[in-house]
Amino acid sequence: MYQPSHLASLVPTMQSFIESATQNLDTLIEDIIFSNLSLRLATDLIGDAAFGVNFGLSKPHSVCESMKSANNVNGGGGSGCGSGGDEVSDFINQHIYSTTQLKMDLSGSFSIILGLLAPILQEPFRQILKRIPGTMDWKIERTNKKLSGRLDEIVKKRMEEKNRTSKNFLSLILNAKESRTVSENVFSPDYISAVTYEHLLAGSATTSFTLSSIVYLVAGHPDVEKKLLYEIDGFGPHDLTPTAQDLH
């Protein structure tokens, strides 16, 4: 669990991403899918905290473009958003594609749908379907392998850096490993990649889902929405940053 003091220190970063993402929303003609917007916000924030990398998904012009490029990932199009075709942009496009394909409707993978009806059959069918080209399970399996490979490249690149900061999760782990404060057997390269992979993917997906669910549920109850806005606006001016005590 994060301490309130650490969360309070992240508030300015959160605010900067939110302001960037919502800067030009009122000028857009097409509707914005909030779950996609929240996924980009969460990915940018955790990317900054975990990798020390700003993926740029919350920039005004990437609100629609990042999802378009992600849709081309498994079709060979789109080189990535923000920085061209490097490993970071490719990794993020793979991440967005992978996350947005985790659906519970008929467009999702057959093994996931089957798992809702007969959980014991989900894994055997997933093992079979992931070997059949063209199935959603095959696409998800291929995307996950690409994600893992991209992440290994990012971790390797960060390990080769000599002057790392200590402000992000990955650098803290690598610095601890190199300072001999912990056993090198504990922080093996595979372990570092796995923990960082989980930190970004699991954190951004659950945060995005929680935010989207809250907005959806609150929107159905105008009286609750009114109370919520009153409480938020009553905290103070927009430029007032919550302290650790406020978060308690």
Protein backbone atom coordinates (compact mmCIF):
# COMPACT_ATOMS: atom_id res chain seq x y z
CA MET A 1 0.00 0.00 0.00
CA TYR A 2 1.18 3.52 -0.80
CA GLN A 3 1.57 5.91 2.13
CA PRO A 4 -0.58 9.11 2.09
CA SER A 5 2.59 11.22 1.95
CA HIS A 6 3.71 9.46 -1.23
CA LEU A 7 0.26 9.76 -2.79
CA ALA A 8 0.18 13.46 -1.91
CA SER A 9 3.50 13.93 -3.72
CA LEU A 10 1.96 12.41 -6.86
CA VAL A 11 -1.04 14.77 -6.91
CA PRO A 12 0.73 17.52 -8.95
CA THR A 13 1.75 14.88 -11.51
CA MET A 14 -1.81 13.55 -11.67
CA GLN A 15 -3.13 17.08 -12.08
CA SER A 16 -0.75 17.87 -14.94
CA PHE A 17 -1.86 14.76 -16.88
CA ILE A 18 -5.54 15.53 -16.26
CA GLU A 19 -5.15 19.13 -17.41
CA SER A 20 -3.26 17.99 -20.51
CA ALA A 21 -5.88 15.37 -21.43
CA THR A 22 -8.87 17.67 -20.95
CA GLN A 23 -7.34 20.79 -22.48
CA ASN A 24 -9.15 20.62 -25.82
CA LEU A 25 -12.03 18.25 -25.09
CA ASP A 26 -14.65 20.99 -25.54
CA THR A 27 -13.44 21.61 -29.11
CA LEU A 28 -13.70 17.99 -30.27
CA ILE A 29 -16.61 17.12 -32.52
CA GLU A 30 -16.72 13.38 -31.86
CA ASP A 31 -17.62 11.79 -28.54
CA ILE A 32 -14.88 10.66 -26.17
CA ILE A 33 -15.06 7.17 -24.67
CA PHE A 34 -14.29 7.79 -21.01
CA SER A 35 -12.86 4.31 -20.39
CA ASN A 36 -10.26 4.96 -23.11
CA LEU A 37 -9.46 8.39 -21.68
CA SER A 38 -9.07 7.01 -18.15
CA LEU A 39 -6.84 4.20 -19.45
CA ARG A 40 -4.52 6.75 -21.08
CA LEU A 41 -4.46 8.87 -17.92
CA ALA A 42 -3.65 5.87 -15.72
CA THR A 43 -1.01 4.60 -18.16
CA ASP A 44 0.71 7.99 -18.32
CA LEU A 45 0.70 8.40 -14.55
CA ILE A 46 1.96 4.89 -13.78
CA GLY A 47 4.43 5.12 -16.66
CA ASP A 48 5.90 8.22 -15.03
CA ALA A 49 5.94 6.66 -11.56
CA ALA A 50 7.11 3.19 -12.66
CA PHE A 51 9.45 3.94 -15.58
CA GLY A 52 10.19 7.64 -15.34
CA VAL A 53 8.84 7.88 -18.90
CA ASN A 54 6.11 10.19 -20.14
CA PHE A 55 4.29 8.15 -22.78
CA GLY A 56 2.38 11.24 -23.96
CA LEU A 57 -1.01 9.51 -24.20
CA SER A 58 -2.71 12.35 -22.30
CA LYS A 59 -1.61 15.06 -24.71
CA PRO A 60 -4.61 16.81 -26.33
CA HIS A 61 -3.86 15.63 -29.86
CA SER A 62 -3.36 12.02 -28.78
CA VAL A 63 -6.81 11.67 -27.20
CA CYS A 64 -8.10 10.06 -30.41
CA GLU A 65 -4.87 9.26 -32.25
CA SER A 66 -3.44 6.87 -29.65
CA MET A 67 -6.41 4.54 -29.92
CA LYS A 68 -6.34 4.67 -33.72
CA SER A 69 -2.67 3.65 -33.75
CA ALA A 70 -3.35 0.93 -31.18
CA ASN A 71 -6.04 -0.55 -33.39
CA ASN A 72 -3.42 -1.03 -36.10
CA VAL A 73 -0.97 -2.90 -33.88
CA ASN A 74 -1.91 -6.42 -34.85
CA GLY A 75 -2.52 -5.46 -38.43
CA GLY A 76 0.96 -4.11 -39.05
CA GLY A 77 -0.10 -0.48 -39.40
CA GLY A 78 0.57 2.47 -37.13
CA SER A 79 4.06 2.98 -35.83
CA GLY A 80 3.00 4.26 -32.44
CA CYS A 81 1.92 7.48 -30.84
CA GLY A 82 4.16 10.29 -29.84
CA SER A 83 7.67 9.15 -30.65
CA GLY A 84 7.48 7.10 -33.79
CA GLY A 85 8.38 3.44 -33.88
CA ASP A 86 10.69 3.03 -30.87
CA GLU A 87 10.22 0.36 -28.22
CA VAL A 88 8.36 2.68 -25.84
CA SER A 89 5.63 3.71 -28.28
CA ASP A 90 5.31 0.14 -29.58
CA PHE A 91 5.00 -1.12 -26.02
CA ILE A 92 2.23 1.35 -25.20
CA ASN A 93 0.28 0.54 -28.36
CA GLN A 94 0.50 -3.16 -27.51
CA HIS A 95 -0.59 -2.40 -23.94
CA ILE A 96 -3.65 -0.41 -25.04
CA TYR A 97 -4.61 -3.07 -27.58
CA SER A 98 -4.24 -5.85 -25.01
CA THR A 99 -6.27 -4.02 -22.36
CA THR A 100 -9.10 -2.96 -24.65
CA GLN A 101 -9.52 -6.52 -25.93
CA LEU A 102 -10.39 -7.84 -22.45
CA LYS A 103 -14.11 -7.78 -23.12
CA MET A 104 -16.94 -9.80 -21.64
CA ASP A 105 -19.23 -9.50 -24.68
CA LEU A 106 -19.33 -11.64 -27.82
CA SER A 107 -16.45 -9.66 -29.37
CA GLY A 108 -14.08 -10.86 -26.63
CA SER A 109 -12.07 -14.06 -26.59
CA PHE A 110 -14.05 -17.30 -26.55
CA SER A 111 -12.12 -18.64 -23.56
CA ILE A 112 -13.09 -15.60 -21.45
CA ILE A 113 -16.75 -15.96 -22.40
CA LEU A 114 -16.60 -19.71 -21.72
CA GLY A 115 -14.97 -19.01 -18.36
CA LEU A 116 -18.06 -17.06 -17.27
CA LEU A 117 -20.28 -20.06 -17.99
CA ALA A 118 -17.96 -22.94 -17.08
CA PRO A 119 -14.80 -21.68 -15.32
CA ILE A 120 -13.16 -25.10 -15.26
CA LEU A 121 -13.09 -25.15 -19.08
CA GLN A 122 -11.53 -21.71 -19.58
CA GLU A 123 -7.84 -22.62 -19.29
CA PRO A 124 -7.97 -25.84 -21.40
CA PHE A 125 -9.79 -24.00 -24.19
CA ARG A 126 -7.43 -21.02 -23.94
CA GLN A 127 -4.43 -23.33 -24.38
CA ILE A 128 -6.02 -24.78 -27.52
CA LEU A 129 -7.38 -21.56 -29.03
CA LYS A 130 -4.16 -19.58 -28.54
CA ARG A 131 -2.52 -21.96 -31.04
CA ILE A 132 -5.15 -21.36 -33.74
CA PRO A 133 -4.29 -18.31 -35.91
CA GLY A 134 -7.06 -15.73 -36.24
CA THR A 135 -8.82 -16.43 -32.94
CA MET A 136 -9.02 -13.66 -30.31
CA ASP A 137 -7.13 -15.89 -27.86
CA TRP A 138 -4.34 -16.24 -30.44
CA LYS A 139 -4.23 -12.45 -30.94
CA ILE A 140 -4.12 -11.78 -27.19
CA GLU A 141 -1.38 -14.38 -26.68
CA ARG A 142 0.71 -12.88 -29.48
CA THR A 143 0.20 -9.36 -28.12
CA ASN A 144 1.21 -10.42 -24.60
CA LYS A 145 4.41 -11.96 -25.93
CA LYS A 146 5.21 -8.73 -27.78
CA LEU A 147 4.46 -6.75 -24.62
CA SER A 148 6.85 -8.87 -22.61
CA GLY A 149 9.56 -8.48 -25.24
CA ARG A 150 9.09 -4.70 -25.45
CA LEU A 151 9.26 -4.39 -21.67
CA ASP A 152 12.49 -6.41 -21.56
CA GLU A 153 13.98 -3.90 -24.02
CA ILE A 154 12.92 -0.94 -21.87
CA VAL A 155 14.32 -2.55 -18.70
CA LYS A 156 17.58 -3.43 -20.45
CA LYS A 157 17.94 0.13 -21.74
CA ARG A 158 17.34 1.54 -18.25
CA MET A 159 19.87 -0.90 -16.74
CA GLU A 160 22.53 0.44 -19.12
CA GLU A 161 21.96 4.04 -18.01
CA LYS A 162 24.65 5.32 -15.67
CA ASN A 163 22.92 8.37 -14.24
CA ARG A 164 19.49 7.21 -13.16
CA THR A 165 17.16 9.22 -10.97
CA SER A 166 15.55 7.62 -7.92
CA LYS A 167 12.09 9.02 -8.60
CA ASN A 168 10.59 6.02 -10.36
CA PHE A 169 9.89 2.43 -9.42
CA LEU A 170 12.19 0.80 -11.99
CA SER A 171 15.19 2.99 -11.12
CA LEU A 172 14.73 2.35 -7.40
CA ILE A 173 14.82 -1.41 -7.97
CA LEU A 174 17.88 -1.20 -10.24
CA ASN A 175 19.70 1.13 -7.83
CA ALA A 176 18.98 -1.22 -4.92
CA LYS A 177 20.24 -4.17 -6.96
CA GLU A 178 23.48 -2.41 -7.88
CA SER A 179 24.10 -1.01 -4.40
CA ARG A 180 24.18 -4.56 -2.98
CA THR A 181 21.62 -3.58 -0.31
CA VAL A 182 19.66 -6.64 -1.38
CA SER A 183 20.68 -9.98 -2.81
CA GLU A 184 21.15 -9.95 -6.57
CA ASN A 185 19.30 -13.26 -6.62
CA VAL A 186 16.17 -11.46 -5.38
CA PHE A 187 16.17 -8.81 -8.11
CA SER A 188 17.02 -10.98 -11.11
CA PRO A 189 16.42 -9.53 -14.61
CA ASP A 190 13.34 -11.76 -15.05
CA TYR A 191 11.94 -10.68 -11.70
CA ILE A 192 12.47 -6.98 -12.47
CA SER A 193 10.74 -7.31 -15.85
CA ALA A 194 7.84 -9.26 -14.33
CA VAL A 195 7.28 -6.81 -11.46
CA THR A 196 7.45 -3.77 -13.73
CA TYR A 197 5.14 -5.43 -16.28
CA GLU A 198 2.60 -6.15 -13.55
CA HIS A 199 3.00 -2.68 -12.05
CA LEU A 200 2.05 -0.95 -15.28
CA LEU A 201 -0.52 -3.28 -16.79
CA ALA A 202 -2.38 -4.32 -13.66
CA GLY A 203 -2.26 -0.85 -12.15
CA SER A 204 -3.48 1.05 -15.21
CA ALA A 205 -6.26 -1.43 -16.06
CA THR A 206 -7.72 -1.55 -12.55
CA THR A 207 -7.45 2.22 -12.07
CA SER A 208 -9.13 2.86 -15.42
CA PHE A 209 -11.90 0.36 -14.69
CA THR A 210 -12.54 1.85 -11.24
CA LEU A 211 -12.72 5.42 -12.56
CA SER A 212 -15.01 4.41 -15.43
CA SER A 213 -17.30 2.44 -13.12
CA ILE A 214 -17.58 5.33 -10.67
CA VAL A 215 -18.46 7.81 -13.41
CA TYR A 216 -21.01 5.40 -14.91
CA LEU A 217 -22.70 4.69 -11.57
CA VAL A 218 -22.68 8.30 -10.34
CA ALA A 219 -24.08 9.54 -13.67
CA GLY A 220 -27.19 7.46 -13.02
CA HIS A 221 -27.90 9.29 -9.75
CA PRO A 222 -28.05 13.10 -10.21
CA ASP A 223 -28.47 13.70 -6.48
CA VAL A 224 -25.26 11.77 -5.71
CA GLU A 225 -23.45 13.59 -8.55
CA LYS A 226 -24.53 16.94 -7.09
CA LYS A 227 -23.24 15.99 -3.61
CA LEU A 228 -19.97 14.71 -5.05
CA LEU A 229 -19.31 17.90 -7.02
CA TYR A 230 -20.22 20.00 -3.98
CA GLU A 231 -17.71 18.10 -1.84
CA ILE A 232 -14.94 18.39 -4.45
CA ASP A 233 -15.56 22.10 -5.09
CA GLY A 234 -15.79 22.73 -1.36
CA PHE A 235 -12.22 21.51 -0.81
CA GLY A 236 -10.77 24.80 -1.97
CA PRO A 237 -9.38 26.62 -5.04
CA HIS A 238 -8.43 24.52 -8.07
CA ASP A 239 -4.74 25.16 -7.52
CA LEU A 240 -4.83 23.90 -3.91
CA THR A 241 -2.89 20.62 -3.62
CA PRO A 242 -4.16 18.02 -1.10
CA THR A 243 -1.72 17.15 1.68
CA ALA A 244 -1.10 13.74 3.20
CA GLN A 245 -3.42 14.71 6.07
CA ASP A 246 -6.20 15.61 3.57
CA LEU A 247 -5.89 12.17 1.97
CA HIS A 248 -6.34 10.49 5.35
